[in-house]
Amino acid sequence: MLNIRKRIQTLETFQSQKGETASDQIVRRVLERVSDAELDLLGSAARAVAEGRELTPEECAGVEAYASALGRESAALRSARG
């Protein structure tokens, strides 16, 4: 769990050094709000895709929740920009 958070922080640091795009900002905001359990599900889903296996119902739900959060955050950012 801590290893995943550390990797996210490293990626965020790298992104901030090269300049954050709107997409980076959306992903960062969503990742800041997900729980460790949700982050584990996303990692598990990514491994499932890499291994070519079907997602479990829990992994599907986690991916859907993440996608929904990305959509909400994207809409919020667009409305904030006018």
PDB file of N, CA and C in Angstrom:
ATOM      1  N   MET A   1       0.819  -1.177   0.000  1.00  0.00           N
ATOM      2  CA  MET A   1       0.000   0.000   0.000  1.00  0.00           C
ATOM      3  C   MET A   1       0.873   1.254   0.000  1.00  0.00           C
ATOM      4  N   LEU A   2       1.794   1.308   0.912  1.00  0.00           N
ATOM      5  CA  LEU A   2       2.676   2.455   1.018  1.00  0.00           C
ATOM      6  C   LEU A   2       3.516   2.595  -0.241  1.00  0.00           C
ATOM      7  N   ASN A   3       3.921   1.476  -0.819  1.00  0.00           N
ATOM      8  CA  ASN A   3       4.708   1.506  -2.036  1.00  0.00           C
ATOM      9  C   ASN A   3       3.940   2.168  -3.175  1.00  0.00           C
ATOM     10  N   ILE A   4       2.651   1.888  -3.282  1.00  0.00           N
ATOM     11  CA  ILE A   4       1.825   2.493  -4.328  1.00  0.00           C
ATOM     12  C   ILE A   4       1.737   3.997  -4.111  1.00  0.00           C
ATOM     13  N   ARG A   5       1.494   4.411  -2.880  1.00  0.00           N
ATOM     14  CA  ARG A   5       1.407   5.847  -2.575  1.00  0.00           C
ATOM     15  C   ARG A   5       2.739   6.539  -2.895  1.00  0.00           C
ATOM     16  N   LYS A   6       3.845   5.878  -2.573  1.00  0.00           N
ATOM     17  CA  LYS A   6       5.165   6.456  -2.849  1.00  0.00           C
ATOM     18  C   LYS A   6       5.375   6.617  -4.348  1.00  0.00           C
ATOM     19  N   ARG A   7       4.954   5.618  -5.132  1.00  0.00           N
ATOM     20  CA  ARG A   7       5.109   5.705  -6.588  1.00  0.00           C
ATOM     21  C   ARG A   7       4.246   6.832  -7.154  1.00  0.00           C
ATOM     22  N   ILE A   8       3.038   6.995  -6.618  1.00  0.00           N
ATOM     23  CA  ILE A   8       2.176   8.083  -7.076  1.00  0.00           C
ATOM     24  C   ILE A   8       2.818   9.429  -6.763  1.00  0.00           C
ATOM     25  N   GLN A   9       3.375   9.556  -5.577  1.00  0.00           N
ATOM     26  CA  GLN A   9       4.032  10.807  -5.208  1.00  0.00           C
ATOM     27  C   GLN A   9       5.227  11.093  -6.118  1.00  0.00           C
ATOM     28  N   THR A  10       5.973  10.050  -6.471  1.00  0.00           N
ATOM     29  CA  THR A  10       7.102  10.215  -7.384  1.00  0.00           C
ATOM     30  C   THR A  10       6.628  10.685  -8.747  1.00  0.00           C
ATOM     31  N   LEU A  11       5.542  10.070  -9.254  1.00  0.00           N
ATOM     32  CA  LEU A  11       4.987  10.484 -10.544  1.00  0.00           C
ATOM     33  C   LEU A  11       4.475  11.919 -10.487  1.00  0.00           C
ATOM     34  N   GLU A  12       3.828  12.282  -9.390  1.00  0.00           N
ATOM     35  CA  GLU A  12       3.334  13.644  -9.248  1.00  0.00           C
ATOM     36  C   GLU A  12       4.477  14.644  -9.232  1.00  0.00           C
ATOM     37  N   THR A  13       5.567  14.306  -8.554  1.00  0.00           N
ATOM     38  CA  THR A  13       6.734  15.181  -8.518  1.00  0.00           C
ATOM     39  C   THR A  13       7.295  15.367  -9.916  1.00  0.00           C
ATOM     40  N   PHE A  14       7.420  14.275 -10.658  1.00  0.00           N
ATOM     41  CA  PHE A  14       7.914  14.336 -12.028  1.00  0.00           C
ATOM     42  C   PHE A  14       7.008  15.218 -12.884  1.00  0.00           C
ATOM     43  N   GLN A  15       5.692  15.036 -12.756  1.00  0.00           N
ATOM     44  CA  GLN A  15       4.745  15.825 -13.535  1.00  0.00           C
ATOM     45  C   GLN A  15       4.846  17.309 -13.194  1.00  0.00           C
ATOM     46  N   SER A  16       5.012  17.618 -11.924  1.00  0.00           N
ATOM     47  CA  SER A  16       5.081  19.019 -11.525  1.00  0.00           C
ATOM     48  C   SER A  16       6.357  19.677 -12.044  1.00  0.00           C
ATOM     49  N   GLN A  17       7.416  18.895 -12.207  1.00  0.00           N
ATOM     50  CA  GLN A  17       8.665  19.432 -12.729  1.00  0.00           C
ATOM     51  C   GLN A  17       8.565  19.746 -14.213  1.00  0.00           C
ATOM     52  N   LYS A  18       7.799  18.962 -14.954  1.00  0.00           N
ATOM     53  CA  LYS A  18       7.709  19.194 -16.395  1.00  0.00           C
ATOM     54  C   LYS A  18       6.502  20.050 -16.771  1.00  0.00           C
ATOM     55  N   GLY A  19       5.697  20.430 -15.819  1.00  0.00           N
ATOM     56  CA  GLY A  19       4.515  21.242 -16.090  1.00  0.00           C
ATOM     57  C   GLY A  19       3.279  20.378 -16.157  1.00  0.00           C
ATOM     58  N   GLU A  20       2.328  20.703 -15.330  1.00  0.00           N
ATOM     59  CA  GLU A  20       1.132  19.882 -15.215  1.00  0.00           C
ATOM     60  C   GLU A  20       0.098  20.288 -16.267  1.00  0.00           C
ATOM     61  N   THR A  21      -0.390  19.324 -17.019  1.00  0.00           N
ATOM     62  CA  THR A  21      -1.453  19.567 -17.984  1.00  0.00           C
ATOM     63  C   THR A  21      -2.798  19.434 -17.273  1.00  0.00           C
ATOM     64  N   ALA A  22      -3.857  19.806 -17.975  1.00  0.00           N
ATOM     65  CA  ALA A  22      -5.197  19.668 -17.393  1.00  0.00           C
ATOM     66  C   ALA A  22      -5.494  18.210 -17.078  1.00  0.00           C
ATOM     67  N   SER A  23      -5.092  17.296 -17.969  1.00  0.00           N
ATOM     68  CA  SER A  23      -5.309  15.862 -17.724  1.00  0.00           C
ATOM     69  C   SER A  23      -4.554  15.398 -16.486  1.00  0.00           C
ATOM     70  N   ASP A  24      -3.321  15.855 -16.340  1.00  0.00           N
ATOM     71  CA  ASP A  24      -2.533  15.502 -15.160  1.00  0.00           C
ATOM     72  C   ASP A  24      -3.225  15.982 -13.890  1.00  0.00           C
ATOM     73  N   GLN A  25      -3.753  17.185 -13.957  1.00  0.00           N
ATOM     74  CA  GLN A  25      -4.425  17.772 -12.799  1.00  0.00           C
ATOM     75  C   GLN A  25      -5.664  16.954 -12.421  1.00  0.00           C
ATOM     76  N   ILE A  26      -6.427  16.536 -13.414  1.00  0.00           N
ATOM     77  CA  ILE A  26      -7.627  15.740 -13.159  1.00  0.00           C
ATOM     78  C   ILE A  26      -7.254  14.421 -12.502  1.00  0.00           C
ATOM     79  N   VAL A  27      -6.276  13.719 -13.070  1.00  0.00           N
ATOM     80  CA  VAL A  27      -5.851  12.420 -12.527  1.00  0.00           C
ATOM     81  C   VAL A  27      -5.317  12.596 -11.115  1.00  0.00           C
ATOM     82  N   ARG A  28      -4.510  13.628 -10.889  1.00  0.00           N
ATOM     83  CA  ARG A  28      -3.946  13.869  -9.558  1.00  0.00           C
ATOM     84  C   ARG A  28      -5.056  14.078  -8.535  1.00  0.00           C
ATOM     85  N   ARG A  29      -6.045  14.905  -8.886  1.00  0.00           N
ATOM     86  CA  ARG A  29      -7.141  15.172  -7.950  1.00  0.00           C
ATOM     87  C   ARG A  29      -7.933  13.912  -7.628  1.00  0.00           C
ATOM     88  N   VAL A  30      -8.177  13.097  -8.638  1.00  0.00           N
ATOM     89  CA  VAL A  30      -8.932  11.856  -8.410  1.00  0.00           C
ATOM     90  C   VAL A  30      -8.115  10.906  -7.546  1.00  0.00           C
ATOM     91  N   LEU A  31      -6.836  10.737  -7.850  1.00  0.00           N
ATOM     92  CA  LEU A  31      -6.001   9.816  -7.078  1.00  0.00           C
ATOM     93  C   LEU A  31      -5.844  10.255  -5.631  1.00  0.00           C
ATOM     94  N   GLU A  32      -5.893  11.560  -5.395  1.00  0.00           N
ATOM     95  CA  GLU A  32      -5.810  12.055  -4.018  1.00  0.00           C
ATOM     96  C   GLU A  32      -7.028  11.643  -3.204  1.00  0.00           C
ATOM     97  N   ARG A  33      -8.145  11.405  -3.881  1.00  0.00           N
ATOM     98  CA  ARG A  33      -9.401  11.120  -3.190  1.00  0.00           C
ATOM     99  C   ARG A  33      -9.730   9.635  -3.070  1.00  0.00           C
ATOM    100  N   VAL A  34      -9.015   8.782  -3.790  1.00  0.00           N
ATOM    101  CA  VAL A  34      -9.354   7.358  -3.718  1.00  0.00           C
ATOM    102  C   VAL A  34      -8.752   6.728  -2.469  1.00  0.00           C
ATOM    103  N   SER A  35      -9.428   5.733  -1.971  1.00  0.00           N
ATOM    104  CA  SER A  35      -8.938   5.024  -0.789  1.00  0.00           C
ATOM    105  C   SER A  35      -7.843   4.036  -1.195  1.00  0.00           C
ATOM    106  N   ASP A  36      -7.142   3.529  -0.215  1.00  0.00           N
ATOM    107  CA  ASP A  36      -6.122   2.512  -0.483  1.00  0.00           C
ATOM    108  C   ASP A  36      -6.744   1.270  -1.098  1.00  0.00           C
ATOM    109  N   ALA A  37      -7.940   0.907  -0.635  1.00  0.00           N
ATOM    110  CA  ALA A  37      -8.619  -0.270  -1.175  1.00  0.00           C
ATOM    111  C   ALA A  37      -8.963  -0.068  -2.646  1.00  0.00           C
ATOM    112  N   GLU A  38      -9.449   1.136  -2.989  1.00  0.00           N
ATOM    113  CA  GLU A  38      -9.763   1.435  -4.389  1.00  0.00           C
ATOM    114  C   GLU A  38      -8.505   1.435  -5.243  1.00  0.00           C
ATOM    115  N   LEU A  39      -7.425   1.947  -4.686  1.00  0.00           N
ATOM    116  CA  LEU A  39      -6.151   1.955  -5.400  1.00  0.00           C
ATOM    117  C   LEU A  39      -5.663   0.534  -5.644  1.00  0.00           C
ATOM    118  N   ASP A  40      -5.849  -0.331  -4.658  1.00  0.00           N
ATOM    119  CA  ASP A  40      -5.492  -1.750  -4.828  1.00  0.00           C
ATOM    120  C   ASP A  40      -6.302  -2.390  -5.943  1.00  0.00           C
ATOM    121  N   LEU A  41      -7.606  -2.076  -6.008  1.00  0.00           N
ATOM    122  CA  LEU A  41      -8.459  -2.624  -7.065  1.00  0.00           C
ATOM    123  C   LEU A  41      -8.005  -2.153  -8.442  1.00  0.00           C
ATOM    124  N   LEU A  42      -7.627  -0.894  -8.544  1.00  0.00           N
ATOM    125  CA  LEU A  42      -7.139  -0.383  -9.823  1.00  0.00           C
ATOM    126  C   LEU A  42      -5.842  -1.078 -10.232  1.00  0.00           C
ATOM    127  N   GLY A  43      -4.961  -1.285  -9.270  1.00  0.00           N
ATOM    128  CA  GLY A  43      -3.715  -2.004  -9.552  1.00  0.00           C
ATOM    129  C   GLY A  43      -3.986  -3.433  -9.968  1.00  0.00           C
ATOM    130  N   SER A  44      -4.917  -4.071  -9.298  1.00  0.00           N
ATOM    131  CA  SER A  44      -5.285  -5.440  -9.635  1.00  0.00           C
ATOM    132  C   SER A  44      -5.897  -5.508 -11.030  1.00  0.00           C
ATOM    133  N   ALA A  45      -6.725  -4.530 -11.368  1.00  0.00           N
ATOM    134  CA  ALA A  45      -7.336  -4.484 -12.699  1.00  0.00           C
ATOM    135  C   ALA A  45      -6.274  -4.281 -13.769  1.00  0.00           C
ATOM    136  N   ALA A  46      -5.305  -3.422 -13.504  1.00  0.00           N
ATOM    137  CA  ALA A  46      -4.222  -3.201 -14.473  1.00  0.00           C
ATOM    138  C   ALA A  46      -3.424  -4.481 -14.690  1.00  0.00           C
ATOM    139  N   ARG A  47      -3.163  -5.218 -13.609  1.00  0.00           N
ATOM    140  CA  ARG A  47      -2.446  -6.494 -13.748  1.00  0.00           C
ATOM    141  C   ARG A  47      -3.267  -7.498 -14.544  1.00  0.00           C
ATOM    142  N   ALA A  48      -4.582  -7.514 -14.310  1.00  0.00           N
ATOM    143  CA  ALA A  48      -5.465  -8.435 -15.032  1.00  0.00           C
ATOM    144  C   ALA A  48      -5.405  -8.164 -16.528  1.00  0.00           C
ATOM    145  N   VAL A  49      -5.440  -6.901 -16.897  1.00  0.00           N
ATOM    146  CA  VAL A  49      -5.366  -6.540 -18.311  1.00  0.00           C
ATOM    147  C   VAL A  49      -4.014  -6.958 -18.886  1.00  0.00           C
ATOM    148  N   ALA A  50      -2.941  -6.695 -18.143  1.00  0.00           N
ATOM    149  CA  ALA A  50      -1.605  -7.057 -18.614  1.00  0.00           C
ATOM    150  C   ALA A  50      -1.453  -8.563 -18.769  1.00  0.00           C
ATOM    151  N   GLU A  51      -2.120  -9.320 -17.902  1.00  0.00           N
ATOM    152  CA  GLU A  51      -2.047 -10.785 -17.953  1.00  0.00           C
ATOM    153  C   GLU A  51      -3.048 -11.391 -18.921  1.00  0.00           C
ATOM    154  N   GLY A  52      -3.947 -10.568 -19.452  1.00  0.00           N
ATOM    155  CA  GLY A  52      -4.942 -11.050 -20.394  1.00  0.00           C
ATOM    156  C   GLY A  52      -6.089 -11.817 -19.760  1.00  0.00           C
ATOM    157  N   ARG A  53      -6.314 -11.602 -18.467  1.00  0.00           N
ATOM    158  CA  ARG A  53      -7.427 -12.294 -17.825  1.00  0.00           C
ATOM    159  C   ARG A  53      -8.595 -11.345 -17.648  1.00  0.00           C
ATOM    160  N   GLU A  54      -9.772 -11.931 -17.449  1.00  0.00           N
ATOM    161  CA  GLU A  54     -10.967 -11.130 -17.236  1.00  0.00           C
ATOM    162  C   GLU A  54     -10.927 -10.477 -15.861  1.00  0.00           C
ATOM    163  N   LEU A  55     -11.537  -9.308 -15.782  1.00  0.00           N
ATOM    164  CA  LEU A  55     -11.617  -8.612 -14.500  1.00  0.00           C
ATOM    165  C   LEU A  55     -12.647  -9.277 -13.604  1.00  0.00           C
ATOM    166  N   THR A  56     -12.377  -9.265 -12.305  1.00  0.00           N
ATOM    167  CA  THR A  56     -13.362  -9.731 -11.340  1.00  0.00           C
ATOM    168  C   THR A  56     -14.454  -8.665 -11.222  1.00  0.00           C
ATOM    169  N   PRO A  57     -15.602  -9.028 -10.669  1.00  0.00           N
ATOM    170  CA  PRO A  57     -16.642  -8.008 -10.465  1.00  0.00           C
ATOM    171  C   PRO A  57     -16.149  -6.834  -9.615  1.00  0.00           C
ATOM    172  N   GLU A  58     -15.325  -7.110  -8.628  1.00  0.00           N
ATOM    173  CA  GLU A  58     -14.787  -6.041  -7.777  1.00  0.00           C
ATOM    174  C   GLU A  58     -13.874  -5.123  -8.579  1.00  0.00           C
ATOM    175  N   GLU A  59     -13.020  -5.718  -9.420  1.00  0.00           N
ATOM    176  CA  GLU A  59     -12.126  -4.906 -10.253  1.00  0.00           C
ATOM    177  C   GLU A  59     -12.925  -4.052 -11.226  1.00  0.00           C
ATOM    178  N   CYS A  60     -13.976  -4.639 -11.814  1.00  0.00           N
ATOM    179  CA  CYS A  60     -14.852  -3.877 -12.721  1.00  0.00           C
ATOM    180  C   CYS A  60     -15.473  -2.688 -11.999  1.00  0.00           C
ATOM    181  N   ALA A  61     -15.971  -2.929 -10.804  1.00  0.00           N
ATOM    182  CA  ALA A  61     -16.588  -1.856 -10.028  1.00  0.00           C
ATOM    183  C   ALA A  61     -15.567  -0.766  -9.706  1.00  0.00           C
ATOM    184  N   GLY A  62     -14.350  -1.170  -9.370  1.00  0.00           N
ATOM    185  CA  GLY A  62     -13.298  -0.201  -9.073  1.00  0.00           C
ATOM    186  C   GLY A  62     -12.939   0.646 -10.283  1.00  0.00           C
ATOM    187  N   VAL A  63     -12.831   0.014 -11.438  1.00  0.00           N
ATOM    188  CA  VAL A  63     -12.509   0.733 -12.667  1.00  0.00           C
ATOM    189  C   VAL A  63     -13.648   1.685 -13.036  1.00  0.00           C
ATOM    190  N   GLU A  64     -14.878   1.215 -12.897  1.00  0.00           N
ATOM    191  CA  GLU A  64     -16.032   2.062 -13.203  1.00  0.00           C
ATOM    192  C   GLU A  64     -16.097   3.266 -12.259  1.00  0.00           C
ATOM    193  N   ALA A  65     -15.819   3.047 -10.989  1.00  0.00           N
ATOM    194  CA  ALA A  65     -15.838   4.146 -10.023  1.00  0.00           C
ATOM    195  C   ALA A  65     -14.746   5.164 -10.347  1.00  0.00           C
ATOM    196  N   TYR A  66     -13.571   4.676 -10.727  1.00  0.00           N
ATOM    197  CA  TYR A  66     -12.468   5.560 -11.094  1.00  0.00           C
ATOM    198  C   TYR A  66     -12.827   6.363 -12.340  1.00  0.00           C
ATOM    199  N   ALA A  67     -13.380   5.704 -13.358  1.00  0.00           N
ATOM    200  CA  ALA A  67     -13.771   6.388 -14.590  1.00  0.00           C
ATOM    201  C   ALA A  67     -14.836   7.446 -14.306  1.00  0.00           C
ATOM    202  N   SER A  68     -15.770   7.119 -13.444  1.00  0.00           N
ATOM    203  CA  SER A  68     -16.818   8.067 -13.073  1.00  0.00           C
ATOM    204  C   SER A  68     -16.220   9.280 -12.355  1.00  0.00           C
ATOM    205  N   ALA A  69     -15.284   9.028 -11.456  1.00  0.00           N
ATOM    206  CA  ALA A  69     -14.621  10.118 -10.734  1.00  0.00           C
ATOM    207  C   ALA A  69     -13.834  11.003 -11.695  1.00  0.00           C
ATOM    208  N   LEU A  70     -13.190  10.394 -12.697  1.00  0.00           N
ATOM    209  CA  LEU A  70     -12.477  11.180 -13.707  1.00  0.00           C
ATOM    210  C   LEU A  70     -13.458  12.073 -14.468  1.00  0.00           C
ATOM    211  N   GLY A  71     -14.598  11.530 -14.830  1.00  0.00           N
ATOM    212  CA  GLY A  71     -15.609  12.310 -15.538  1.00  0.00           C
ATOM    213  C   GLY A  71     -16.118  13.479 -14.713  1.00  0.00           C
ATOM    214  N   ARG A  72     -16.390  13.231 -13.450  1.00  0.00           N
ATOM    215  CA  ARG A  72     -16.869  14.305 -12.566  1.00  0.00           C
ATOM    216  C   ARG A  72     -15.813  15.393 -12.409  1.00  0.00           C
ATOM    217  N   GLU A  73     -14.573  14.977 -12.202  1.00  0.00           N
ATOM    218  CA  GLU A  73     -13.494  15.942 -12.009  1.00  0.00           C
ATOM    219  C   GLU A  73     -13.247  16.750 -13.285  1.00  0.00           C
ATOM    220  N   SER A  74     -13.332  16.077 -14.418  1.00  0.00           N
ATOM    221  CA  SER A  74     -13.155  16.760 -15.701  1.00  0.00           C
ATOM    222  C   SER A  74     -14.246  17.815 -15.905  1.00  0.00           C
ATOM    223  N   ALA A  75     -15.480  17.447 -15.596  1.00  0.00           N
ATOM    224  CA  ALA A  75     -16.598  18.386 -15.727  1.00  0.00           C
ATOM    225  C   ALA A  75     -16.429  19.563 -14.769  1.00  0.00           C
ATOM    226  N   ALA A  76     -15.977  19.289 -13.570  1.00  0.00           N
ATOM    227  CA  ALA A  76     -15.761  20.357 -12.590  1.00  0.00           C
ATOM    228  C   ALA A  76     -14.671  21.303 -13.054  1.00  0.00           C
ATOM    229  N   LEU A  77     -13.614  20.775 -13.630  1.00  0.00           N
ATOM    230  CA  LEU A  77     -12.524  21.609 -14.112  1.00  0.00           C
ATOM    231  C   LEU A  77     -12.983  22.470 -15.289  1.00  0.00           C
ATOM    232  N   ARG A  78     -13.765  21.862 -16.190  1.00  0.00           N
ATOM    233  CA  ARG A  78     -14.276  22.623 -17.338  1.00  0.00           C
ATOM    234  C   ARG A  78     -15.193  23.764 -16.884  1.00  0.00           C
ATOM    235  N   SER A  79     -16.070  23.479 -15.936  1.00  0.00           N
ATOM    236  CA  SER A  79     -16.989  24.528 -15.471  1.00  0.00           C
ATOM    237  C   SER A  79     -16.252  25.614 -14.700  1.00  0.00           C
ATOM    238  N   ALA A  80     -15.178  25.243 -14.016  1.00  0.00           N
ATOM    239  CA  ALA A  80     -14.389  26.237 -13.282  1.00  0.00           C
ATOM    240  C   ALA A  80     -13.635  27.165 -14.230  1.00  0.00           C
ATOM    241  N   ARG A  81     -13.293  26.658 -15.396  1.00  0.00           N
ATOM    242  CA  ARG A  81     -12.550  27.465 -16.373  1.00  0.00           C
ATOM    243  C   ARG A  81     -13.468  28.331 -17.220  1.00  0.00           C
ATOM    244  N   GLY A  82     -14.751  28.095 -17.110  1.00  0.00           N
ATOM    245  CA  GLY A  82     -15.684  28.961 -17.796  1.00  0.00           C
ATOM    246  C   GLY A  82     -16.272  28.375 -18.991  1.00  0.00           C
TER     247      GLY A  82
END
